[in-house]
Amino acid sequence: MRLELDSTQLKPTPGHPGQKVRMSANLDERNAGGYSVAYGRDDIYFPVYVTAALAAIFLTAAWITGAIWWLGLAVAAAGFTYYNIPLLETGRPTIGANQYGIFIQAFGLLRWRAIDRIDLVETAERAMTVHELQIVLNAPLGSALVTDWRKQPSYRALMRLPWRMDHKGVVRVNLEPFDQPADVIHRTFLRMWRYYRS
């Protein structure tokens, strides 16, 4: 998607008459520029590789023995692997920010002025603490998005998303799987939000 800005709609500064300037940028999380965070490669993603191997083993067992229940186990293991494949895309920016706003993979680019608050919330789950970035909007989602990336290719339709949205319109991003600490991501987003909103 291309974004075009027409500076003739901007208020000219004294001594500089308004002129028509076209500025375009391909907006995609891979080339959005600015600050970006990707999934980190860690031992926590080892189960994705294990379940992929188990799916292959179960499929082979189903083929050799002819027992259908091995096929059920193979489908379950393959489904888990398929759902978690995005965790293995460590070089691809998943969330980040640039001069236009905050971008989230498979969601879009939220403009700075449409963001009311950016909070870091800690939640205790089982034996660990989960950090969640909550982006509170002050505008409807349709006008808050500079570009919408929610429509994904069909092969990615059932894969893990880095975001979820609650009924109040708060965008939530779990920060645990990323390659930078949660407080660093939150502080950077806050600093950029304050700078670009002013």
C-alpha atoms as a PDB file:
ATOM      1  CA  MET A   1       0.000   0.000   0.000  1.00  0.00           C
ATOM      2  CA  ARG A   2       1.325   3.447  -0.862  1.00  0.00           C
ATOM      3  CA  LEU A   3       0.787   6.524   1.275  1.00  0.00           C
ATOM      4  CA  GLU A   4       0.737   9.867  -0.503  1.00  0.00           C
ATOM      5  CA  LEU A   5       0.816  13.185   1.285  1.00  0.00           C
ATOM      6  CA  ASP A   6      -0.072  16.414  -0.496  1.00  0.00           C
ATOM      7  CA  SER A   7       1.595  19.415   1.140  1.00  0.00           C
ATOM      8  CA  THR A   8      -0.773  21.909  -0.560  1.00  0.00           C
ATOM      9  CA  GLN A   9      -3.227  21.085   2.210  1.00  0.00           C
ATOM     10  CA  LEU A  10      -0.683  22.096   4.846  1.00  0.00           C
ATOM     11  CA  LYS A  11      -0.508  25.640   6.165  1.00  0.00           C
ATOM     12  CA  PRO A  12       2.426  27.414   4.469  1.00  0.00           C
ATOM     13  CA  THR A  13       5.073  29.048   6.643  1.00  0.00           C
ATOM     14  CA  PRO A  14       5.937  32.743   6.117  1.00  0.00           C
ATOM     15  CA  GLY A  15       8.424  33.254   3.286  1.00  0.00           C
ATOM     16  CA  HIS A  16       7.832  29.701   1.964  1.00  0.00           C
ATOM     17  CA  PRO A  17       4.807  29.545  -0.358  1.00  0.00           C
ATOM     18  CA  GLY A  18       2.914  26.257  -0.443  1.00  0.00           C
ATOM     19  CA  GLN A  19       4.028  23.921  -3.151  1.00  0.00           C
ATOM     20  CA  LYS A  20       2.771  20.556  -4.273  1.00  0.00           C
ATOM     21  CA  VAL A  21       5.070  17.847  -2.982  1.00  0.00           C
ATOM     22  CA  ARG A  22       4.347  14.146  -3.285  1.00  0.00           C
ATOM     23  CA  MET A  23       5.905  11.843  -0.757  1.00  0.00           C
ATOM     24  CA  SER A  24       5.293   8.124  -0.999  1.00  0.00           C
ATOM     25  CA  ALA A  25       6.365   5.201   1.118  1.00  0.00           C
ATOM     26  CA  ASN A  26       5.657   1.506   0.867  1.00  0.00           C
ATOM     27  CA  LEU A  27       4.251   0.690   4.271  1.00  0.00           C
ATOM     28  CA  ASP A  28       4.926  -2.877   5.328  1.00  0.00           C
ATOM     29  CA  GLU A  29       6.354  -4.139   8.609  1.00  0.00           C
ATOM     30  CA  ARG A  30       9.466  -5.343   6.764  1.00  0.00           C
ATOM     31  CA  ASN A  31      10.374  -1.885   5.446  1.00  0.00           C
ATOM     32  CA  ALA A  32       8.544   0.489   7.790  1.00  0.00           C
ATOM     33  CA  GLY A  33      11.827   1.807   9.184  1.00  0.00           C
ATOM     34  CA  GLY A  34      12.322   3.361  12.588  1.00  0.00           C
ATOM     35  CA  TYR A  35      12.462   1.238  15.731  1.00  0.00           C
ATOM     36  CA  SER A  36      11.521  -2.422  15.340  1.00  0.00           C
ATOM     37  CA  VAL A  37      11.390  -5.520  17.507  1.00  0.00           C
ATOM     38  CA  ALA A  38      11.408  -9.125  16.286  1.00  0.00           C
ATOM     39  CA  TYR A  39      10.783 -12.468  17.920  1.00  0.00           C
ATOM     40  CA  GLY A  40      13.858 -13.724  19.758  1.00  0.00           C
ATOM     41  CA  ARG A  41      15.349 -17.167  19.211  1.00  0.00           C
ATOM     42  CA  ASP A  42      15.330 -18.833  22.584  1.00  0.00           C
ATOM     43  CA  ASP A  43      14.999 -22.277  24.146  1.00  0.00           C
ATOM     44  CA  ILE A  44      11.314 -21.513  24.649  1.00  0.00           C
ATOM     45  CA  TYR A  45      10.724 -22.124  20.911  1.00  0.00           C
ATOM     46  CA  PHE A  46      12.323 -25.553  21.015  1.00  0.00           C
ATOM     47  CA  PRO A  47       8.835 -27.179  21.296  1.00  0.00           C
ATOM     48  CA  VAL A  48       8.004 -25.923  17.793  1.00  0.00           C
ATOM     49  CA  TYR A  49      10.857 -27.987  16.364  1.00  0.00           C
ATOM     50  CA  VAL A  50       9.977 -30.959  18.587  1.00  0.00           C
ATOM     51  CA  THR A  51       6.329 -30.999  17.503  1.00  0.00           C
ATOM     52  CA  ALA A  52       7.375 -30.734  13.854  1.00  0.00           C
ATOM     53  CA  ALA A  53       9.572 -33.812  14.330  1.00  0.00           C
ATOM     54  CA  LEU A  54       6.756 -35.596  16.194  1.00  0.00           C
ATOM     55  CA  ALA A  55       4.329 -34.831  13.362  1.00  0.00           C
ATOM     56  CA  ALA A  56       6.734 -36.445  10.895  1.00  0.00           C
ATOM     57  CA  ILE A  57       7.233 -39.474  13.175  1.00  0.00           C
ATOM     58  CA  PHE A  58       3.479 -39.931  13.729  1.00  0.00           C
ATOM     59  CA  LEU A  59       2.781 -39.563  10.009  1.00  0.00           C
ATOM     60  CA  THR A  60       5.417 -42.186   9.233  1.00  0.00           C
ATOM     61  CA  ALA A  61       3.953 -44.499  11.892  1.00  0.00           C
ATOM     62  CA  ALA A  62       0.470 -44.048  10.403  1.00  0.00           C
ATOM     63  CA  TRP A  63       1.777 -44.889   6.929  1.00  0.00           C
ATOM     64  CA  ILE A  64       3.756 -47.958   8.084  1.00  0.00           C
ATOM     65  CA  THR A  65       1.177 -49.440  10.482  1.00  0.00           C
ATOM     66  CA  GLY A  66      -1.972 -48.267   8.717  1.00  0.00           C
ATOM     67  CA  ALA A  67      -3.448 -47.281  12.100  1.00  0.00           C
ATOM     68  CA  ILE A  68      -5.616 -44.173  11.759  1.00  0.00           C
ATOM     69  CA  TRP A  69      -5.040 -42.976  15.327  1.00  0.00           C
ATOM     70  CA  TRP A  70      -1.373 -42.210  14.470  1.00  0.00           C
ATOM     71  CA  LEU A  71      -2.712 -39.872  11.810  1.00  0.00           C
ATOM     72  CA  GLY A  72      -4.763 -38.006  14.444  1.00  0.00           C
ATOM     73  CA  LEU A  73      -1.639 -37.455  16.538  1.00  0.00           C
ATOM     74  CA  ALA A  74       0.263 -36.308  13.415  1.00  0.00           C
ATOM     75  CA  VAL A  75      -2.443 -33.768  12.562  1.00  0.00           C
ATOM     76  CA  ALA A  76      -2.471 -32.402  16.139  1.00  0.00           C
ATOM     77  CA  ALA A  77       1.332 -32.024  16.220  1.00  0.00           C
ATOM     78  CA  ALA A  78       1.378 -30.468  12.741  1.00  0.00           C
ATOM     79  CA  GLY A  79      -1.385 -28.031  13.764  1.00  0.00           C
ATOM     80  CA  PHE A  80       0.613 -26.864  16.800  1.00  0.00           C
ATOM     81  CA  THR A  81       3.698 -26.413  14.624  1.00  0.00           C
ATOM     82  CA  TYR A  82       1.787 -24.499  11.943  1.00  0.00           C
ATOM     83  CA  TYR A  83       0.179 -22.163  14.511  1.00  0.00           C
ATOM     84  CA  ASN A  84       3.569 -21.296  16.056  1.00  0.00           C
ATOM     85  CA  ILE A  85       5.627 -20.867  12.851  1.00  0.00           C
ATOM     86  CA  PRO A  86       5.691 -17.029  13.252  1.00  0.00           C
ATOM     87  CA  LEU A  87       7.790 -17.507  16.418  1.00  0.00           C
ATOM     88  CA  LEU A  88      10.572 -18.822  14.191  1.00  0.00           C
ATOM     89  CA  GLU A  89      10.622 -15.679  11.991  1.00  0.00           C
ATOM     90  CA  THR A  90      13.285 -14.031  14.094  1.00  0.00           C
ATOM     91  CA  GLY A  91      14.614 -11.641  11.449  1.00  0.00           C
ATOM     92  CA  ARG A  92      11.220 -10.154  10.544  1.00  0.00           C
ATOM     93  CA  PRO A  93      10.063  -7.051  12.459  1.00  0.00           C
ATOM     94  CA  THR A  94       6.927  -7.906  14.414  1.00  0.00           C
ATOM     95  CA  ILE A  95       6.216  -4.626  16.202  1.00  0.00           C
ATOM     96  CA  GLY A  96       7.829  -1.229  16.038  1.00  0.00           C
ATOM     97  CA  ALA A  97       7.378   2.470  15.525  1.00  0.00           C
ATOM     98  CA  ASN A  98       8.314   5.142  13.025  1.00  0.00           C
ATOM     99  CA  GLN A  99       7.332   8.758  12.330  1.00  0.00           C
ATOM    100  CA  TYR A 100       3.798   7.705  11.322  1.00  0.00           C
ATOM    101  CA  GLY A 101       2.935   5.607  14.376  1.00  0.00           C
ATOM    102  CA  ILE A 102       3.170   2.134  15.886  1.00  0.00           C
ATOM    103  CA  PHE A 103       3.151  -0.827  13.517  1.00  0.00           C
ATOM    104  CA  ILE A 104       2.139  -4.358  14.437  1.00  0.00           C
ATOM    105  CA  GLN A 105       2.537  -7.327  12.127  1.00  0.00           C
ATOM    106  CA  ALA A 106      -0.797  -8.600  10.722  1.00  0.00           C
ATOM    107  CA  PHE A 107      -2.587  -5.587  12.245  1.00  0.00           C
ATOM    108  CA  GLY A 108      -1.410  -2.345  10.695  1.00  0.00           C
ATOM    109  CA  LEU A 109       0.081   1.054  11.407  1.00  0.00           C
ATOM    110  CA  LEU A 110      -1.643   3.053  14.165  1.00  0.00           C
ATOM    111  CA  ARG A 111      -1.159   6.793  13.826  1.00  0.00           C
ATOM    112  CA  TRP A 112       0.337   8.599  16.837  1.00  0.00           C
ATOM    113  CA  ARG A 113      -2.546  11.036  17.344  1.00  0.00           C
ATOM    114  CA  ALA A 114      -5.066   8.182  17.548  1.00  0.00           C
ATOM    115  CA  ILE A 115      -3.260   6.701  20.575  1.00  0.00           C
ATOM    116  CA  ASP A 116      -4.527   7.855  23.963  1.00  0.00           C
ATOM    117  CA  ARG A 117      -2.217   5.795  26.209  1.00  0.00           C
ATOM    118  CA  ILE A 118       0.521   3.185  26.006  1.00  0.00           C
ATOM    119  CA  ASP A 119       0.643   1.026  29.139  1.00  0.00           C
ATOM    120  CA  LEU A 120       2.833  -1.859  30.265  1.00  0.00           C
ATOM    121  CA  VAL A 121       0.780  -4.331  32.310  1.00  0.00           C
ATOM    122  CA  GLU A 122       2.233  -7.228  34.296  1.00  0.00           C
ATOM    123  CA  THR A 123       0.079 -10.313  34.791  1.00  0.00           C
ATOM    124  CA  ALA A 124       0.933 -13.375  36.876  1.00  0.00           C
ATOM    125  CA  GLU A 125       0.317 -16.589  34.950  1.00  0.00           C
ATOM    126  CA  ARG A 126       1.165 -19.902  36.561  1.00  0.00           C
ATOM    127  CA  ALA A 127       4.802 -19.626  37.651  1.00  0.00           C
ATOM    128  CA  MET A 128       5.790 -16.594  35.578  1.00  0.00           C
ATOM    129  CA  THR A 129       5.020 -12.928  35.015  1.00  0.00           C
ATOM    130  CA  VAL A 130       3.750 -11.945  31.567  1.00  0.00           C
ATOM    131  CA  HIS A 131       4.285  -8.400  30.272  1.00  0.00           C
ATOM    132  CA  GLU A 132       1.639  -7.016  27.961  1.00  0.00           C
ATOM    133  CA  LEU A 133       1.733  -3.771  26.004  1.00  0.00           C
ATOM    134  CA  GLN A 134      -1.703  -2.144  25.953  1.00  0.00           C
ATOM    135  CA  ILE A 135      -2.379   0.560  23.369  1.00  0.00           C
ATOM    136  CA  VAL A 136      -5.526   2.543  24.182  1.00  0.00           C
ATOM    137  CA  LEU A 137      -7.057   4.330  21.207  1.00  0.00           C
ATOM    138  CA  ASN A 138      -8.954   7.629  21.263  1.00  0.00           C
ATOM    139  CA  ALA A 139     -10.482   7.110  17.806  1.00  0.00           C
ATOM    140  CA  PRO A 140     -12.362   4.336  16.009  1.00  0.00           C
ATOM    141  CA  LEU A 141     -10.077   1.666  14.572  1.00  0.00           C
ATOM    142  CA  GLY A 142     -10.937   2.597  10.978  1.00  0.00           C
ATOM    143  CA  SER A 143      -9.590   6.130  11.409  1.00  0.00           C
ATOM    144  CA  ALA A 144      -6.759   5.123  13.766  1.00  0.00           C
ATOM    145  CA  LEU A 145      -5.093   2.894  11.180  1.00  0.00           C
ATOM    146  CA  VAL A 146      -2.873   4.617   8.622  1.00  0.00           C
ATOM    147  CA  THR A 147      -2.659   1.292   6.816  1.00  0.00           C
ATOM    148  CA  ASP A 148      -4.479  -1.957   7.524  1.00  0.00           C
ATOM    149  CA  TRP A 149      -2.556  -5.254   7.396  1.00  0.00           C
ATOM    150  CA  ARG A 150      -5.235  -7.445   8.996  1.00  0.00           C
ATOM    151  CA  LYS A 151      -6.014  -9.227   5.727  1.00  0.00           C
ATOM    152  CA  GLN A 152      -3.347 -11.914   5.536  1.00  0.00           C
ATOM    153  CA  PRO A 153      -2.540 -14.445   2.811  1.00  0.00           C
ATOM    154  CA  SER A 154      -4.647 -17.589   3.108  1.00  0.00           C
ATOM    155  CA  TYR A 155      -1.673 -19.760   4.134  1.00  0.00           C
ATOM    156  CA  ARG A 156      -1.178 -17.543   7.234  1.00  0.00           C
ATOM    157  CA  ALA A 157      -4.863 -17.393   8.184  1.00  0.00           C
ATOM    158  CA  LEU A 158      -4.619 -19.654  11.250  1.00  0.00           C
ATOM    159  CA  MET A 159      -1.098 -18.740  12.389  1.00  0.00           C
ATOM    160  CA  ARG A 160      -0.321 -17.003  15.678  1.00  0.00           C
ATOM    161  CA  LEU A 161      -0.956 -13.252  15.749  1.00  0.00           C
ATOM    162  CA  PRO A 162       1.228 -10.961  17.876  1.00  0.00           C
ATOM    163  CA  TRP A 163      -1.821  -8.894  18.888  1.00  0.00           C
ATOM    164  CA  ARG A 164      -5.362  -9.167  20.149  1.00  0.00           C
ATOM    165  CA  MET A 165      -8.036  -6.559  20.690  1.00  0.00           C
ATOM    166  CA  ASP A 166     -10.534  -6.512  23.538  1.00  0.00           C
ATOM    167  CA  HIS A 167     -14.148  -5.319  23.463  1.00  0.00           C
ATOM    168  CA  LYS A 168     -13.077  -1.840  24.661  1.00  0.00           C
ATOM    169  CA  GLY A 169     -10.879  -1.327  21.615  1.00  0.00           C
ATOM    170  CA  VAL A 170      -7.562  -1.772  23.471  1.00  0.00           C
ATOM    171  CA  VAL A 171      -4.824  -3.376  21.363  1.00  0.00           C
ATOM    172  CA  ARG A 172      -2.849  -5.889  23.437  1.00  0.00           C
ATOM    173  CA  VAL A 173       0.573  -7.285  22.545  1.00  0.00           C
ATOM    174  CA  ASN A 174       2.309  -9.965  24.623  1.00  0.00           C
ATOM    175  CA  LEU A 175       5.941  -8.817  24.915  1.00  0.00           C
ATOM    176  CA  GLU A 176       7.444 -12.053  26.265  1.00  0.00           C
ATOM    177  CA  PRO A 177       8.557 -13.645  22.973  1.00  0.00           C
ATOM    178  CA  PHE A 178      10.473 -10.592  21.720  1.00  0.00           C
ATOM    179  CA  ASP A 179      14.223 -10.041  21.518  1.00  0.00           C
ATOM    180  CA  GLN A 180      14.194  -6.926  23.737  1.00  0.00           C
ATOM    181  CA  PRO A 181      13.043  -6.512  27.357  1.00  0.00           C
ATOM    182  CA  ALA A 182       9.436  -5.386  27.862  1.00  0.00           C
ATOM    183  CA  ASP A 183      10.375  -2.206  29.755  1.00  0.00           C
ATOM    184  CA  VAL A 184      12.759  -1.115  26.967  1.00  0.00           C
ATOM    185  CA  ILE A 185      10.051  -1.588  24.322  1.00  0.00           C
ATOM    186  CA  HIS A 186       7.527   0.330  26.442  1.00  0.00           C
ATOM    187  CA  ARG A 187       9.923   3.206  27.208  1.00  0.00           C
ATOM    188  CA  THR A 188      10.901   3.543  23.534  1.00  0.00           C
ATOM    189  CA  PHE A 189       7.276   3.607  22.383  1.00  0.00           C
ATOM    190  CA  LEU A 190       6.391   6.188  25.051  1.00  0.00           C
ATOM    191  CA  ARG A 191       9.329   8.415  24.109  1.00  0.00           C
ATOM    192  CA  MET A 192       8.441   8.278  20.406  1.00  0.00           C
ATOM    193  CA  TRP A 193       4.728   8.823  21.119  1.00  0.00           C
ATOM    194  CA  ARG A 194       5.453  11.971  23.143  1.00  0.00           C
ATOM    195  CA  TYR A 195       7.855  13.270  20.498  1.00  0.00           C
ATOM    196  CA  TYR A 196       5.657  12.706  17.441  1.00  0.00           C
ATOM    197  CA  ARG A 197       2.420  13.870  19.100  1.00  0.00           C
ATOM    198  CA  SER A 198       3.891  17.277  19.924  1.00  0.00           C
END
